[in-house]
Amino acid sequence: MTVEPGPSPDEGRPYPDPTHSLAPRKPRTLGGIFFLGVVGTVAAGLTLVALEYWRTGLVVMGAGMLAGALARLVMPDDRAGMLGIRRKFVDVVTLMMLGGGLLLVATLIRTRPS
């Protein structure tokens, strides 16, 4: 008695295209553009923090995250791209808490008198 194997779990999935370029691609959605903007502002803020302009850097990072939260709030789910990882509510609340927390830290911590 012979047993025929069932369908492979990989059937129906396309194989990777060996001619595919590894060059960076442009974002496909509007949310991808906003996501790159948030990443860029956070990178700029981290650069400012590293250059010892920590308060300005925290404000830049917080503002970038709050802008990302606003973009995610007004953008439809099908256009959110990488900006929409979870449900809209979770994405917006997370970005607002992170951005607001950074702004709060930047305003509440006093500088040392010289």
C-alpha atoms as a PDB file:
ATOM      1  CA  MET A   1       0.000   0.000   0.000  1.00  0.00           C
ATOM      2  CA  THR A   2       1.468   3.356  -1.022  1.00  0.00           C
ATOM      3  CA  VAL A   3       0.592   6.660   0.555  1.00  0.00           C
ATOM      4  CA  GLU A   4       0.599   9.689  -1.670  1.00  0.00           C
ATOM      5  CA  PRO A   5       1.906  12.821  -0.040  1.00  0.00           C
ATOM      6  CA  GLY A   6      -0.556  15.636   0.454  1.00  0.00           C
ATOM      7  CA  PRO A   7      -0.065  19.096  -0.969  1.00  0.00           C
ATOM      8  CA  SER A   8       3.097  20.809   0.095  1.00  0.00           C
ATOM      9  CA  PRO A   9       2.597  23.816   2.392  1.00  0.00           C
ATOM     10  CA  ASP A  10       4.702  25.851  -0.043  1.00  0.00           C
ATOM     11  CA  GLU A  11       2.454  25.161  -3.037  1.00  0.00           C
ATOM     12  CA  GLY A  12       0.881  28.251  -4.444  1.00  0.00           C
ATOM     13  CA  ARG A  13       3.534  30.571  -3.058  1.00  0.00           C
ATOM     14  CA  PRO A  14       5.713  32.170  -5.693  1.00  0.00           C
ATOM     15  CA  TYR A  15       9.437  31.593  -5.611  1.00  0.00           C
ATOM     16  CA  PRO A  16      11.665  34.639  -5.222  1.00  0.00           C
ATOM     17  CA  ASP A  17      12.629  36.228  -8.487  1.00  0.00           C
ATOM     18  CA  PRO A  18      16.409  35.694  -8.874  1.00  0.00           C
ATOM     19  CA  THR A  19      16.631  38.757 -11.120  1.00  0.00           C
ATOM     20  CA  HIS A  20      15.169  41.010  -8.434  1.00  0.00           C
ATOM     21  CA  SER A  21      17.344  44.002  -7.712  1.00  0.00           C
ATOM     22  CA  LEU A  22      18.506  44.664  -4.164  1.00  0.00           C
ATOM     23  CA  ALA A  23      18.526  48.403  -4.836  1.00  0.00           C
ATOM     24  CA  PRO A  24      16.325  50.449  -2.472  1.00  0.00           C
ATOM     25  CA  ARG A  25      12.805  51.046  -3.690  1.00  0.00           C
ATOM     26  CA  LYS A  26      10.492  53.989  -3.222  1.00  0.00           C
ATOM     27  CA  PRO A  27       7.627  53.736  -0.725  1.00  0.00           C
ATOM     28  CA  ARG A  28       4.474  52.386  -2.345  1.00  0.00           C
ATOM     29  CA  THR A  29       1.987  54.203  -0.130  1.00  0.00           C
ATOM     30  CA  LEU A  30       1.509  57.637   1.330  1.00  0.00           C
ATOM     31  CA  GLY A  31       1.942  56.130   4.791  1.00  0.00           C
ATOM     32  CA  GLY A  32       5.368  54.848   3.759  1.00  0.00           C
ATOM     33  CA  ILE A  33       6.439  58.394   2.976  1.00  0.00           C
ATOM     34  CA  PHE A  34       5.202  59.618   6.358  1.00  0.00           C
ATOM     35  CA  PHE A  35       6.919  56.663   8.049  1.00  0.00           C
ATOM     36  CA  LEU A  36      10.228  57.658   6.458  1.00  0.00           C
ATOM     37  CA  GLY A  37       9.583  61.207   7.655  1.00  0.00           C
ATOM     38  CA  VAL A  38       9.108  60.011  11.234  1.00  0.00           C
ATOM     39  CA  VAL A  39      12.254  57.886  11.034  1.00  0.00           C
ATOM     40  CA  GLY A  40      14.161  60.854   9.595  1.00  0.00           C
ATOM     41  CA  THR A  41      13.058  63.244  12.340  1.00  0.00           C
ATOM     42  CA  VAL A  42      13.916  60.697  15.036  1.00  0.00           C
ATOM     43  CA  ALA A  43      17.361  60.239  13.463  1.00  0.00           C
ATOM     44  CA  ALA A  44      17.835  64.005  13.357  1.00  0.00           C
ATOM     45  CA  GLY A  45      16.779  64.260  17.000  1.00  0.00           C
ATOM     46  CA  LEU A  46      19.191  61.511  18.017  1.00  0.00           C
ATOM     47  CA  THR A  47      21.952  63.338  16.176  1.00  0.00           C
ATOM     48  CA  LEU A  48      21.169  66.506  18.133  1.00  0.00           C
ATOM     49  CA  VAL A  49      21.189  64.548  21.396  1.00  0.00           C
ATOM     50  CA  ALA A  50      24.571  63.059  20.483  1.00  0.00           C
ATOM     51  CA  LEU A  51      25.882  66.574  19.802  1.00  0.00           C
ATOM     52  CA  GLU A  52      24.787  67.545  23.349  1.00  0.00           C
ATOM     53  CA  TYR A  53      21.720  69.537  22.291  1.00  0.00           C
ATOM     54  CA  TRP A  54      19.586  67.042  24.171  1.00  0.00           C
ATOM     55  CA  ARG A  55      16.564  69.266  24.846  1.00  0.00           C
ATOM     56  CA  THR A  56      16.255  70.318  21.207  1.00  0.00           C
ATOM     57  CA  GLY A  57      16.797  66.726  20.091  1.00  0.00           C
ATOM     58  CA  LEU A  58      14.024  65.435  22.346  1.00  0.00           C
ATOM     59  CA  VAL A  59      11.655  68.119  21.057  1.00  0.00           C
ATOM     60  CA  VAL A  60      12.456  67.184  17.448  1.00  0.00           C
ATOM     61  CA  MET A  61      11.880  63.474  18.129  1.00  0.00           C
ATOM     62  CA  GLY A  62       8.654  64.130  20.040  1.00  0.00           C
ATOM     63  CA  ALA A  63       7.307  66.437  17.348  1.00  0.00           C
ATOM     64  CA  GLY A  64       8.105  63.876  14.651  1.00  0.00           C
ATOM     65  CA  MET A  65       6.236  61.158  16.508  1.00  0.00           C
ATOM     66  CA  LEU A  66       3.239  63.406  17.135  1.00  0.00           C
ATOM     67  CA  ALA A  67       3.181  64.288  13.435  1.00  0.00           C
ATOM     68  CA  GLY A  68       3.245  60.569  12.658  1.00  0.00           C
ATOM     69  CA  ALA A  69       0.321  60.009  15.033  1.00  0.00           C
ATOM     70  CA  LEU A  70      -1.660  62.744  13.312  1.00  0.00           C
ATOM     71  CA  ALA A  71      -0.867  61.316   9.876  1.00  0.00           C
ATOM     72  CA  ARG A  72      -1.935  57.828  11.003  1.00  0.00           C
ATOM     73  CA  LEU A  73      -5.145  59.239  12.488  1.00  0.00           C
ATOM     74  CA  VAL A  74      -6.307  60.920   9.282  1.00  0.00           C
ATOM     75  CA  MET A  75      -4.991  58.340   6.810  1.00  0.00           C
ATOM     76  CA  PRO A  76      -7.214  55.459   5.661  1.00  0.00           C
ATOM     77  CA  ASP A  77      -5.981  51.979   6.607  1.00  0.00           C
ATOM     78  CA  ASP A  78      -5.329  50.917   3.009  1.00  0.00           C
ATOM     79  CA  ARG A  79      -2.955  53.877   2.487  1.00  0.00           C
ATOM     80  CA  ALA A  80      -1.122  53.665   5.831  1.00  0.00           C
ATOM     81  CA  GLY A  81       1.716  51.438   4.618  1.00  0.00           C
ATOM     82  CA  MET A  82       4.415  50.926   7.248  1.00  0.00           C
ATOM     83  CA  LEU A  83       2.906  53.657   9.388  1.00  0.00           C
ATOM     84  CA  GLY A  84       0.019  51.282  10.107  1.00  0.00           C
ATOM     85  CA  ILE A  85       1.421  48.214  11.836  1.00  0.00           C
ATOM     86  CA  ARG A  86      -1.441  47.492  14.232  1.00  0.00           C
ATOM     87  CA  ARG A  87      -4.984  48.758  14.534  1.00  0.00           C
ATOM     88  CA  LYS A  88      -5.307  52.496  14.005  1.00  0.00           C
ATOM     89  CA  PHE A  89      -6.184  53.147  17.658  1.00  0.00           C
ATOM     90  CA  VAL A  90      -3.087  51.330  18.940  1.00  0.00           C
ATOM     91  CA  ASP A  91      -0.786  53.038  16.419  1.00  0.00           C
ATOM     92  CA  VAL A  92      -2.078  56.527  17.216  1.00  0.00           C
ATOM     93  CA  VAL A  93      -2.035  56.057  21.001  1.00  0.00           C
ATOM     94  CA  THR A  94       1.470  54.568  20.936  1.00  0.00           C
ATOM     95  CA  LEU A  95       2.923  57.369  18.827  1.00  0.00           C
ATOM     96  CA  MET A  96       1.131  60.017  20.911  1.00  0.00           C
ATOM     97  CA  MET A  97       2.410  58.560  24.179  1.00  0.00           C
ATOM     98  CA  LEU A  98       5.998  58.311  22.912  1.00  0.00           C
ATOM     99  CA  GLY A  99       5.970  61.783  21.362  1.00  0.00           C
ATOM    100  CA  GLY A 100       4.208  63.385  24.314  1.00  0.00           C
ATOM    101  CA  GLY A 101       6.540  61.643  26.767  1.00  0.00           C
ATOM    102  CA  LEU A 102       9.602  62.967  24.968  1.00  0.00           C
ATOM    103  CA  LEU A 103       8.182  66.494  24.948  1.00  0.00           C
ATOM    104  CA  LEU A 104       7.320  66.178  28.626  1.00  0.00           C
ATOM    105  CA  VAL A 105      10.841  65.067  29.512  1.00  0.00           C
ATOM    106  CA  ALA A 106      12.310  67.912  27.449  1.00  0.00           C
ATOM    107  CA  THR A 107      10.244  70.510  29.275  1.00  0.00           C
ATOM    108  CA  LEU A 108      10.369  69.141  32.834  1.00  0.00           C
ATOM    109  CA  ILE A 109      14.065  68.415  33.277  1.00  0.00           C
ATOM    110  CA  ARG A 110      15.909  71.469  34.440  1.00  0.00           C
ATOM    111  CA  THR A 111      19.385  72.282  33.251  1.00  0.00           C
ATOM    112  CA  ARG A 112      22.177  72.500  35.785  1.00  0.00           C
ATOM    113  CA  PRO A 113      23.180  76.024  36.667  1.00  0.00           C
ATOM    114  CA  SER A 114      26.728  76.765  35.564  1.00  0.00           C
END
